[in-house]
Amino acid sequence: MDELVEKAKKGDAEAYTQLMLSIRNDLYKICKTRIISDDEIEDIIQETMIKTFKQLKKLRDVSKFKSWIISILINNCNMQYRTKQKVRLYESNCNYETYIENRQASDNIDMIDSDIDFYLLISKLNYEERIIVILHYAENFTFKEISKILRINENTVKTRLYRAKEKLKYICKGEIEIG
């Protein structure tokens, strides 16, 4: 990925396109934690891609590209959420067909089913907890990286993740209903 970022920094649009295609599903999943409408998600992702392409030369450390673009994406999602009061938080009635279509063709059905279960399960968490769970477990970011992406204290990240896991335990025990 670093090689593609270097090429894209030099203005190679093809390299940037390949880079975006490689992380598009990740951007979609992260955006889906805040925005319901697939059309709005597409707009936000496109806006993020344009913004990052224009500012890519300012990126100092190419190994931080993914966390940098996710940070911009989250800011765009939050801006969209604030300006459009009608947008609701992600609910358990998410559009699974669209999610499955966005998965890579090589994924097997068991992986898709487990992802659906995962996203249904975390849909009961609030946005702050949900985004941290996604970044930590689905995207494998460290606490330190998440704190930089979300611009919050590392201990806050740990606390929110702990609370999220506690809520998920209650959900799994059946003490909190899903849907």
N, C-alpha and C. Protein backbone atom coordinates (compact mmCIF):
# COMPACT_ATOMS: atom_id res chain seq x y z
N MET A 1 0.83 -1.19 0.00
CA MET A 1 0.00 0.00 0.00
C MET A 1 0.88 1.25 0.00
N ASP A 2 1.99 1.21 0.73
CA ASP A 2 2.87 2.37 0.82
C ASP A 2 3.38 2.81 -0.55
N GLU A 3 3.66 1.82 -1.40
CA GLU A 3 4.16 2.12 -2.75
C GLU A 3 3.10 2.86 -3.57
N LEU A 4 1.85 2.41 -3.44
CA LEU A 4 0.75 3.10 -4.13
C LEU A 4 0.58 4.52 -3.61
N VAL A 5 0.71 4.69 -2.31
CA VAL A 5 0.58 6.03 -1.72
C VAL A 5 1.68 6.94 -2.25
N GLU A 6 2.90 6.44 -2.33
CA GLU A 6 4.02 7.23 -2.86
C GLU A 6 3.74 7.66 -4.30
N LYS A 7 3.27 6.72 -5.11
CA LYS A 7 2.95 7.04 -6.51
C LYS A 7 1.83 8.08 -6.58
N ALA A 8 0.80 7.88 -5.75
CA ALA A 8 -0.33 8.81 -5.75
C ALA A 8 0.10 10.20 -5.30
N LYS A 9 1.02 10.26 -4.32
CA LYS A 9 1.54 11.56 -3.87
C LYS A 9 2.21 12.32 -5.00
N LYS A 10 2.78 11.58 -5.95
CA LYS A 10 3.45 12.20 -7.09
C LYS A 10 2.48 12.55 -8.21
N GLY A 11 1.18 12.32 -7.97
CA GLY A 11 0.16 12.71 -8.94
C GLY A 11 -0.34 11.58 -9.82
N ASP A 12 0.02 10.34 -9.54
CA ASP A 12 -0.41 9.20 -10.33
C ASP A 12 -1.87 8.86 -9.97
N ALA A 13 -2.80 9.26 -10.83
CA ALA A 13 -4.22 9.06 -10.58
C ALA A 13 -4.59 7.58 -10.59
N GLU A 14 -3.92 6.78 -11.43
CA GLU A 14 -4.19 5.34 -11.49
C GLU A 14 -3.82 4.67 -10.16
N ALA A 15 -2.69 5.05 -9.60
CA ALA A 15 -2.27 4.50 -8.31
C ALA A 15 -3.27 4.89 -7.23
N TYR A 16 -3.74 6.12 -7.28
CA TYR A 16 -4.72 6.57 -6.28
C TYR A 16 -6.02 5.78 -6.42
N THR A 17 -6.44 5.53 -7.65
CA THR A 17 -7.65 4.75 -7.89
C THR A 17 -7.50 3.34 -7.32
N GLN A 18 -6.37 2.71 -7.56
CA GLN A 18 -6.11 1.37 -7.01
C GLN A 18 -6.12 1.40 -5.49
N LEU A 19 -5.54 2.43 -4.93
CA LEU A 19 -5.50 2.60 -3.48
C LEU A 19 -6.92 2.70 -2.91
N MET A 20 -7.75 3.50 -3.55
CA MET A 20 -9.12 3.69 -3.08
C MET A 20 -9.94 2.40 -3.22
N LEU A 21 -9.72 1.69 -4.31
CA LEU A 21 -10.44 0.42 -4.49
C LEU A 21 -10.05 -0.59 -3.41
N SER A 22 -8.81 -0.54 -2.97
CA SER A 22 -8.35 -1.50 -1.96
C SER A 22 -8.93 -1.22 -0.56
N ILE A 23 -9.33 0.02 -0.28
CA ILE A 23 -9.87 0.34 1.05
C ILE A 23 -11.32 0.77 1.02
N ARG A 24 -11.97 0.71 -0.13
CA ARG A 24 -13.34 1.19 -0.27
C ARG A 24 -14.30 0.50 0.68
N ASN A 25 -14.21 -0.83 0.80
CA ASN A 25 -15.12 -1.56 1.69
C ASN A 25 -14.93 -1.13 3.14
N ASP A 26 -13.69 -0.87 3.54
CA ASP A 26 -13.42 -0.41 4.90
C ASP A 26 -14.06 0.96 5.14
N LEU A 27 -13.93 1.85 4.16
CA LEU A 27 -14.53 3.18 4.28
C LEU A 27 -16.05 3.07 4.39
N TYR A 28 -16.63 2.18 3.60
CA TYR A 28 -18.08 1.98 3.64
C TYR A 28 -18.53 1.52 5.02
N LYS A 29 -17.86 0.50 5.57
CA LYS A 29 -18.25 -0.04 6.87
C LYS A 29 -18.16 1.03 7.96
N ILE A 30 -17.11 1.82 7.92
CA ILE A 30 -16.93 2.86 8.93
C ILE A 30 -18.00 3.93 8.79
N CYS A 31 -18.27 4.33 7.57
CA CYS A 31 -19.28 5.36 7.32
C CYS A 31 -20.67 4.86 7.72
N LYS A 32 -20.91 3.58 7.51
CA LYS A 32 -22.22 2.99 7.82
C LYS A 32 -22.53 3.03 9.31
N THR A 33 -21.52 3.17 10.15
CA THR A 33 -21.78 3.26 11.59
C THR A 33 -22.46 4.56 11.97
N ARG A 34 -22.36 5.57 11.11
CA ARG A 34 -22.91 6.89 11.42
C ARG A 34 -24.06 7.29 10.51
N ILE A 35 -24.02 6.85 9.27
CA ILE A 35 -24.98 7.29 8.26
C ILE A 35 -25.76 6.09 7.75
N ILE A 36 -27.07 6.23 7.62
CA ILE A 36 -27.93 5.14 7.18
C ILE A 36 -28.03 5.08 5.65
N SER A 37 -28.27 6.18 5.04
CA SER A 37 -28.55 6.23 3.61
C SER A 37 -27.32 5.86 2.78
N ASP A 38 -27.49 4.85 1.94
CA ASP A 38 -26.39 4.43 1.06
C ASP A 38 -26.00 5.54 0.09
N ASP A 39 -26.97 6.33 -0.36
CA ASP A 39 -26.65 7.44 -1.25
C ASP A 39 -25.77 8.47 -0.55
N GLU A 40 -26.11 8.78 0.69
CA GLU A 40 -25.30 9.73 1.46
C GLU A 40 -23.91 9.16 1.74
N ILE A 41 -23.84 7.86 2.02
CA ILE A 41 -22.55 7.21 2.25
C ILE A 41 -21.68 7.33 1.01
N GLU A 42 -22.27 7.06 -0.15
CA GLU A 42 -21.51 7.17 -1.40
C GLU A 42 -21.00 8.60 -1.60
N ASP A 43 -21.85 9.58 -1.31
CA ASP A 43 -21.44 10.99 -1.44
C ASP A 43 -20.29 11.32 -0.49
N ILE A 44 -20.38 10.85 0.75
CA ILE A 44 -19.34 11.13 1.75
C ILE A 44 -18.03 10.46 1.35
N ILE A 45 -18.10 9.22 0.90
CA ILE A 45 -16.88 8.52 0.48
C ILE A 45 -16.26 9.24 -0.71
N GLN A 46 -17.07 9.63 -1.67
CA GLN A 46 -16.55 10.34 -2.84
C GLN A 46 -15.93 11.67 -2.43
N GLU A 47 -16.60 12.41 -1.56
CA GLU A 47 -16.06 13.68 -1.07
C GLU A 47 -14.73 13.47 -0.33
N THR A 48 -14.66 12.40 0.45
CA THR A 48 -13.43 12.08 1.17
C THR A 48 -12.31 11.75 0.20
N MET A 49 -12.62 10.98 -0.83
CA MET A 49 -11.61 10.62 -1.82
C MET A 49 -11.08 11.85 -2.56
N ILE A 50 -11.96 12.75 -2.92
CA ILE A 50 -11.55 13.98 -3.61
C ILE A 50 -10.69 14.84 -2.69
N LYS A 51 -11.15 15.01 -1.47
CA LYS A 51 -10.42 15.82 -0.50
C LYS A 51 -9.02 15.26 -0.23
N THR A 52 -8.95 13.94 -0.05
CA THR A 52 -7.64 13.34 0.25
C THR A 52 -6.72 13.37 -0.96
N PHE A 53 -7.28 13.23 -2.15
CA PHE A 53 -6.43 13.30 -3.35
C PHE A 53 -5.80 14.69 -3.47
N LYS A 54 -6.60 15.72 -3.19
CA LYS A 54 -6.10 17.10 -3.28
C LYS A 54 -5.05 17.39 -2.20
N GLN A 55 -5.18 16.75 -1.03
CA GLN A 55 -4.28 17.05 0.09
C GLN A 55 -3.23 15.97 0.32
N LEU A 56 -3.15 15.00 -0.57
CA LEU A 56 -2.25 13.87 -0.38
C LEU A 56 -0.79 14.28 -0.27
N LYS A 57 -0.40 15.31 -0.97
CA LYS A 57 1.00 15.76 -0.93
C LYS A 57 1.40 16.24 0.46
N LYS A 58 0.42 16.61 1.28
CA LYS A 58 0.70 17.09 2.63
C LYS A 58 0.95 15.94 3.62
N LEU A 59 0.59 14.73 3.23
CA LEU A 59 0.78 13.56 4.10
C LEU A 59 2.27 13.27 4.22
N ARG A 60 2.78 13.35 5.44
CA ARG A 60 4.22 13.17 5.67
C ARG A 60 4.62 11.70 5.71
N ASP A 61 3.86 10.89 6.44
CA ASP A 61 4.21 9.49 6.65
C ASP A 61 3.23 8.62 5.87
N VAL A 62 3.68 8.01 4.78
CA VAL A 62 2.80 7.22 3.92
C VAL A 62 2.22 6.00 4.66
N SER A 63 2.90 5.52 5.68
CA SER A 63 2.38 4.37 6.42
C SER A 63 1.14 4.74 7.24
N LYS A 64 0.89 6.02 7.42
CA LYS A 64 -0.28 6.50 8.17
C LYS A 64 -1.45 6.84 7.26
N PHE A 65 -1.36 6.50 5.98
CA PHE A 65 -2.39 6.87 5.01
C PHE A 65 -3.78 6.41 5.43
N LYS A 66 -3.90 5.14 5.80
CA LYS A 66 -5.23 4.60 6.11
C LYS A 66 -5.85 5.30 7.31
N SER A 67 -5.09 5.50 8.36
CA SER A 67 -5.66 6.19 9.52
C SER A 67 -5.97 7.65 9.18
N TRP A 68 -5.17 8.26 8.30
CA TRP A 68 -5.39 9.64 7.87
C TRP A 68 -6.70 9.76 7.10
N ILE A 69 -6.93 8.87 6.14
CA ILE A 69 -8.15 8.94 5.35
C ILE A 69 -9.38 8.59 6.19
N ILE A 70 -9.24 7.66 7.13
CA ILE A 70 -10.36 7.31 8.01
C ILE A 70 -10.72 8.50 8.90
N SER A 71 -9.72 9.21 9.36
CA SER A 71 -9.97 10.40 10.17
C SER A 71 -10.76 11.44 9.37
N ILE A 72 -10.38 11.65 8.14
CA ILE A 72 -11.09 12.60 7.27
C ILE A 72 -12.51 12.10 7.01
N LEU A 73 -12.65 10.80 6.76
CA LEU A 73 -13.97 10.21 6.53
C LEU A 73 -14.88 10.41 7.73
N ILE A 74 -14.37 10.15 8.92
CA ILE A 74 -15.17 10.31 10.14
C ILE A 74 -15.58 11.77 10.31
N ASN A 75 -14.67 12.70 10.05
CA ASN A 75 -15.02 14.11 10.13
C ASN A 75 -16.12 14.47 9.13
N ASN A 76 -16.03 13.93 7.92
CA ASN A 76 -17.07 14.18 6.91
C ASN A 76 -18.41 13.58 7.33
N CYS A 77 -18.37 12.39 7.91
CA CYS A 77 -19.60 11.76 8.41
C CYS A 77 -20.23 12.60 9.52
N ASN A 78 -19.41 13.04 10.44
CA ASN A 78 -19.93 13.85 11.55
C ASN A 78 -20.49 15.17 11.05
N MET A 79 -19.83 15.78 10.08
CA MET A 79 -20.33 17.03 9.52
C MET A 79 -21.68 16.80 8.84
N GLN A 80 -21.79 15.73 8.08
CA GLN A 80 -23.04 15.39 7.41
C GLN A 80 -24.14 15.12 8.45
N TYR A 81 -23.78 14.41 9.50
CA TYR A 81 -24.74 14.08 10.55
C TYR A 81 -25.26 15.35 11.23
N ARG A 82 -24.35 16.25 11.53
CA ARG A 82 -24.76 17.50 12.20
C ARG A 82 -25.60 18.39 11.31
N THR A 83 -25.25 18.49 10.03
CA THR A 83 -25.98 19.40 9.15
C THR A 83 -27.32 18.83 8.71
N LYS A 84 -27.45 17.55 8.75
CA LYS A 84 -28.72 16.91 8.36
C LYS A 84 -29.34 16.26 9.59
N GLN A 85 -30.11 16.99 10.31
CA GLN A 85 -30.72 16.49 11.55
C GLN A 85 -31.62 15.28 11.30
N LYS A 86 -32.09 15.11 10.09
CA LYS A 86 -32.99 14.00 9.79
C LYS A 86 -32.28 12.65 9.74
N VAL A 87 -30.94 12.67 9.64
CA VAL A 87 -30.20 11.41 9.55
C VAL A 87 -30.19 10.76 10.93
N ARG A 88 -30.62 9.53 10.99
CA ARG A 88 -30.65 8.80 12.25
C ARG A 88 -29.42 7.93 12.39
N LEU A 89 -29.12 7.52 13.63
CA LEU A 89 -28.03 6.57 13.85
C LEU A 89 -28.36 5.24 13.19
N TYR A 90 -27.37 4.51 12.88
CA TYR A 90 -27.50 3.18 12.28
C TYR A 90 -28.35 2.30 13.18
N GLU A 91 -29.39 1.71 12.59
CA GLU A 91 -30.29 0.86 13.38
C GLU A 91 -30.15 -0.58 12.93
N SER A 92 -30.79 -1.44 13.64
CA SER A 92 -30.64 -2.87 13.35
C SER A 92 -31.27 -3.27 12.01
N ASN A 93 -32.06 -2.39 11.39
CA ASN A 93 -32.65 -2.74 10.10
C ASN A 93 -31.76 -2.28 8.96
N CYS A 94 -30.44 -2.52 9.10
CA CYS A 94 -29.51 -2.10 8.05
C CYS A 94 -29.78 -2.89 6.78
N ASN A 95 -29.33 -2.35 5.68
CA ASN A 95 -29.56 -2.93 4.37
C ASN A 95 -28.50 -4.00 4.10
N TYR A 96 -28.79 -5.24 4.47
CA TYR A 96 -27.81 -6.31 4.34
C TYR A 96 -27.48 -6.61 2.88
N GLU A 97 -28.46 -6.47 1.98
CA GLU A 97 -28.20 -6.75 0.58
C GLU A 97 -27.12 -5.82 0.04
N THR A 98 -27.20 -4.55 0.36
CA THR A 98 -26.19 -3.60 -0.08
C THR A 98 -24.84 -3.92 0.54
N TYR A 99 -24.87 -4.28 1.81
CA TYR A 99 -23.61 -4.63 2.47
C TYR A 99 -22.96 -5.82 1.78
N ILE A 100 -23.75 -6.84 1.49
CA ILE A 100 -23.22 -8.04 0.85
C ILE A 100 -22.69 -7.71 -0.54
N GLU A 101 -23.39 -6.85 -1.29
CA GLU A 101 -22.92 -6.45 -2.62
C GLU A 101 -21.58 -5.75 -2.54
N ASN A 102 -21.33 -5.04 -1.46
CA ASN A 102 -20.08 -4.31 -1.31
C ASN A 102 -18.92 -5.19 -0.86
N ARG A 103 -19.21 -6.42 -0.48
CA ARG A 103 -18.15 -7.34 -0.08
C ARG A 103 -17.39 -7.81 -1.33
N GLN A 104 -16.16 -8.15 -1.18
CA GLN A 104 -15.39 -8.66 -2.31
C GLN A 104 -15.93 -10.02 -2.71
N ALA A 105 -15.86 -10.32 -4.00
CA ALA A 105 -16.42 -11.56 -4.53
C ALA A 105 -15.76 -12.79 -3.93
N SER A 106 -14.54 -12.65 -3.45
CA SER A 106 -13.83 -13.81 -2.90
C SER A 106 -14.31 -14.22 -1.51
N ASP A 107 -15.08 -13.37 -0.86
CA ASP A 107 -15.57 -13.71 0.48
C ASP A 107 -16.53 -14.90 0.39
N ASN A 108 -16.43 -15.78 1.36
CA ASN A 108 -17.38 -16.89 1.36
C ASN A 108 -18.59 -16.53 2.21
N ILE A 109 -19.64 -17.33 2.07
CA ILE A 109 -20.91 -17.02 2.72
C ILE A 109 -20.81 -17.03 4.24
N ASP A 110 -19.95 -17.89 4.80
CA ASP A 110 -19.78 -17.93 6.26
C ASP A 110 -19.22 -16.61 6.77
N MET A 111 -18.27 -16.03 6.04
CA MET A 111 -17.69 -14.76 6.45
C MET A 111 -18.75 -13.66 6.39
N ILE A 112 -19.58 -13.68 5.35
CA ILE A 112 -20.64 -12.68 5.21
C ILE A 112 -21.63 -12.83 6.36
N ASP A 113 -22.02 -14.07 6.67
CA ASP A 113 -22.95 -14.30 7.78
C ASP A 113 -22.37 -13.81 9.10
N SER A 114 -21.10 -14.07 9.35
CA SER A 114 -20.51 -13.63 10.61
C SER A 114 -20.41 -12.11 10.66
N ASP A 115 -20.14 -11.48 9.52
CA ASP A 115 -20.12 -10.01 9.48
C ASP A 115 -21.51 -9.44 9.74
N ILE A 116 -22.53 -10.05 9.16
CA ILE A 116 -23.90 -9.59 9.40
C ILE A 116 -24.23 -9.72 10.88
N ASP A 117 -23.88 -10.86 11.48
CA ASP A 117 -24.10 -11.05 12.91
C ASP A 117 -23.37 -9.98 13.72
N PHE A 118 -22.13 -9.71 13.35
CA PHE A 118 -21.33 -8.70 14.04
C PHE A 118 -21.99 -7.33 13.96
N TYR A 119 -22.40 -6.92 12.76
CA TYR A 119 -22.99 -5.60 12.61
C TYR A 119 -24.39 -5.50 13.23
N LEU A 120 -25.12 -6.58 13.23
CA LEU A 120 -26.41 -6.60 13.92
C LEU A 120 -26.18 -6.47 15.42
N LEU A 121 -25.20 -7.18 15.93
CA LEU A 121 -24.89 -7.16 17.35
C LEU A 121 -24.46 -5.75 17.81
N ILE A 122 -23.57 -5.11 17.07
CA ILE A 122 -23.08 -3.81 17.51
C ILE A 122 -24.05 -2.67 17.22
N SER A 123 -25.12 -2.95 16.48
CA SER A 123 -26.08 -1.89 16.16
C SER A 123 -26.77 -1.34 17.40
N LYS A 124 -26.75 -2.08 18.52
CA LYS A 124 -27.37 -1.61 19.76
C LYS A 124 -26.45 -0.69 20.57
N LEU A 125 -25.20 -0.58 20.14
CA LEU A 125 -24.27 0.31 20.83
C LEU A 125 -24.48 1.74 20.34
N ASN A 126 -24.08 2.71 21.16
CA ASN A 126 -24.16 4.09 20.68
C ASN A 126 -23.01 4.34 19.71
N TYR A 127 -23.09 5.45 19.00
CA TYR A 127 -22.13 5.73 17.93
C TYR A 127 -20.69 5.70 18.43
N GLU A 128 -20.41 6.34 19.55
CA GLU A 128 -19.04 6.42 20.06
C GLU A 128 -18.47 5.04 20.35
N GLU A 129 -19.29 4.16 20.89
CA GLU A 129 -18.84 2.81 21.18
C GLU A 129 -18.70 2.00 19.88
N ARG A 130 -19.68 2.15 19.01
CA ARG A 130 -19.72 1.40 17.76
C ARG A 130 -18.49 1.70 16.88
N ILE A 131 -18.13 2.97 16.74
CA ILE A 131 -17.01 3.33 15.87
C ILE A 131 -15.70 2.78 16.44
N ILE A 132 -15.56 2.78 17.76
CA ILE A 132 -14.35 2.23 18.38
C ILE A 132 -14.29 0.72 18.19
N VAL A 133 -15.41 0.03 18.34
CA VAL A 133 -15.44 -1.41 18.12
C VAL A 133 -15.05 -1.73 16.68
N ILE A 134 -15.59 -0.99 15.73
CA ILE A 134 -15.26 -1.21 14.31
C ILE A 134 -13.77 -0.97 14.07
N LEU A 135 -13.27 0.16 14.55
CA LEU A 135 -11.86 0.48 14.30
C LEU A 135 -10.93 -0.52 14.96
N HIS A 136 -11.29 -0.97 16.16
CA HIS A 136 -10.40 -1.90 16.89
C HIS A 136 -10.50 -3.33 16.37
N TYR A 137 -11.71 -3.85 16.26
CA TYR A 137 -11.86 -5.26 15.91
C TYR A 137 -11.94 -5.52 14.40
N ALA A 138 -12.60 -4.66 13.65
CA ALA A 138 -12.72 -4.90 12.21
C ALA A 138 -11.52 -4.35 11.44
N GLU A 139 -10.98 -3.22 11.89
CA GLU A 139 -9.87 -2.59 11.16
C GLU A 139 -8.52 -2.80 11.83
N ASN A 140 -8.51 -3.40 13.01
CA ASN A 140 -7.28 -3.73 13.74
C ASN A 140 -6.38 -2.54 14.09
N PHE A 141 -6.99 -1.40 14.39
CA PHE A 141 -6.22 -0.26 14.85
C PHE A 141 -5.94 -0.41 16.34
N THR A 142 -4.80 0.11 16.78
CA THR A 142 -4.45 0.09 18.20
C THR A 142 -5.21 1.19 18.92
N PHE A 143 -5.18 1.16 20.25
CA PHE A 143 -5.83 2.21 21.03
C PHE A 143 -5.23 3.58 20.70
N LYS A 144 -3.93 3.60 20.56
CA LYS A 144 -3.24 4.85 20.26
C LYS A 144 -3.67 5.39 18.90
N GLU A 145 -3.76 4.53 17.90
CA GLU A 145 -4.18 4.97 16.56
C GLU A 145 -5.62 5.45 16.58
N ILE A 146 -6.47 4.75 17.28
CA ILE A 146 -7.88 5.15 17.38
C ILE A 146 -7.99 6.51 18.05
N SER A 147 -7.21 6.72 19.10
CA SER A 147 -7.27 8.01 19.80
C SER A 147 -6.85 9.15 18.87
N LYS A 148 -5.89 8.90 18.00
CA LYS A 148 -5.48 9.93 17.03
C LYS A 148 -6.54 10.15 15.96
N ILE A 149 -7.13 9.06 15.47
CA ILE A 149 -8.16 9.17 14.44
C ILE A 149 -9.36 9.95 14.96
N LEU A 150 -9.81 9.61 16.16
CA LEU A 150 -11.01 10.23 16.73
C LEU A 150 -10.72 11.51 17.52
N ARG A 151 -9.44 11.77 17.71
CA ARG A 151 -9.00 12.96 18.46
C ARG A 151 -9.56 12.97 19.88
N ILE A 152 -9.43 11.81 20.54
CA ILE A 152 -9.83 11.69 21.93
C ILE A 152 -8.70 11.01 22.69
N ASN A 153 -8.75 11.10 24.00
CA ASN A 153 -7.73 10.51 24.86
C ASN A 153 -7.72 8.99 24.72
N GLU A 154 -6.54 8.41 24.78
CA GLU A 154 -6.39 6.95 24.65
C GLU A 154 -7.17 6.22 25.74
N ASN A 155 -7.19 6.76 26.95
CA ASN A 155 -7.96 6.13 28.04
C ASN A 155 -9.46 6.18 27.76
N THR A 156 -9.91 7.23 27.09
CA THR A 156 -11.32 7.31 26.70
C THR A 156 -11.66 6.20 25.72
N VAL A 157 -10.75 5.93 24.79
CA VAL A 157 -10.94 4.84 23.84
C VAL A 157 -11.08 3.52 24.60
N LYS A 158 -10.18 3.27 25.54
CA LYS A 158 -10.21 2.02 26.32
C LYS A 158 -11.50 1.90 27.12
N THR A 159 -11.92 3.00 27.73
CA THR A 159 -13.14 2.99 28.53
C THR A 159 -14.36 2.70 27.67
N ARG A 160 -14.45 3.37 26.52
CA ARG A 160 -15.60 3.14 25.64
C ARG A 160 -15.62 1.72 25.10
N LEU A 161 -14.46 1.18 24.79
CA LEU A 161 -14.40 -0.20 24.31
C LEU A 161 -14.82 -1.16 25.42
N TYR A 162 -14.37 -0.91 26.63
CA TYR A 162 -14.77 -1.74 27.77
C TYR A 162 -16.29 -1.71 27.96
N ARG A 163 -16.86 -0.51 27.93
CA ARG A 163 -18.32 -0.37 28.10
C ARG A 163 -19.06 -1.09 26.97
N ALA A 164 -18.54 -0.96 25.77
CA ALA A 164 -19.17 -1.62 24.62
C ALA A 164 -19.16 -3.13 24.80
N LYS A 165 -18.03 -3.66 25.24
CA LYS A 165 -17.93 -5.10 25.45
C LYS A 165 -18.88 -5.56 26.56
N GLU A 166 -19.03 -4.75 27.61
CA GLU A 166 -19.97 -5.09 28.68
C GLU A 166 -21.40 -5.11 28.16
N LYS A 167 -21.77 -4.12 27.35
CA LYS A 167 -23.12 -4.10 26.76
C LYS A 167 -23.32 -5.32 25.87
N LEU A 168 -22.31 -5.66 25.09
CA LEU A 168 -22.41 -6.82 24.19
C LEU A 168 -22.58 -8.12 24.98
N LYS A 169 -21.97 -8.21 26.16
CA LYS A 169 -22.15 -9.39 27.00
C LYS A 169 -23.61 -9.52 27.42
N TYR A 170 -24.23 -8.38 27.81
CA TYR A 170 -25.64 -8.40 28.21
C TYR A 170 -26.53 -8.77 27.03
N ILE A 171 -26.19 -8.27 25.86
CA ILE A 171 -26.97 -8.59 24.67
C ILE A 171 -26.87 -10.09 24.38
N CYS A 172 -25.67 -10.63 24.45
CA CYS A 172 -25.48 -12.06 24.17
C CYS A 172 -26.18 -12.95 25.20
N LYS A 173 -26.27 -12.47 26.44
CA LYS A 173 -26.97 -13.23 27.48
C LYS A 173 -28.48 -13.11 27.35
N GLY A 174 -28.93 -12.23 26.46
CA GLY A 174 -30.37 -12.03 26.27
C GLY A 174 -30.98 -11.04 27.22
N GLU A 175 -30.14 -10.30 27.96
CA GLU A 175 -30.66 -9.32 28.90
C GLU A 175 -31.04 -8.01 28.22
N ILE A 176 -30.52 -7.81 27.01
CA ILE A 176 -30.92 -6.66 26.18
C ILE A 176 -31.34 -7.25 24.85
N GLU A 177 -32.53 -6.88 24.36
CA GLU A 177 -33.05 -7.43 23.12
C GLU A 177 -32.42 -6.76 21.91
N ILE A 178 -32.23 -7.56 20.86
CA ILE A 178 -31.77 -7.02 19.58
C ILE A 178 -33.01 -6.87 18.71
N GLY A 179 -33.08 -5.71 18.05
CA GLY A 179 -34.19 -5.48 17.11
C GLY A 179 -35.40 -5.22 17.89
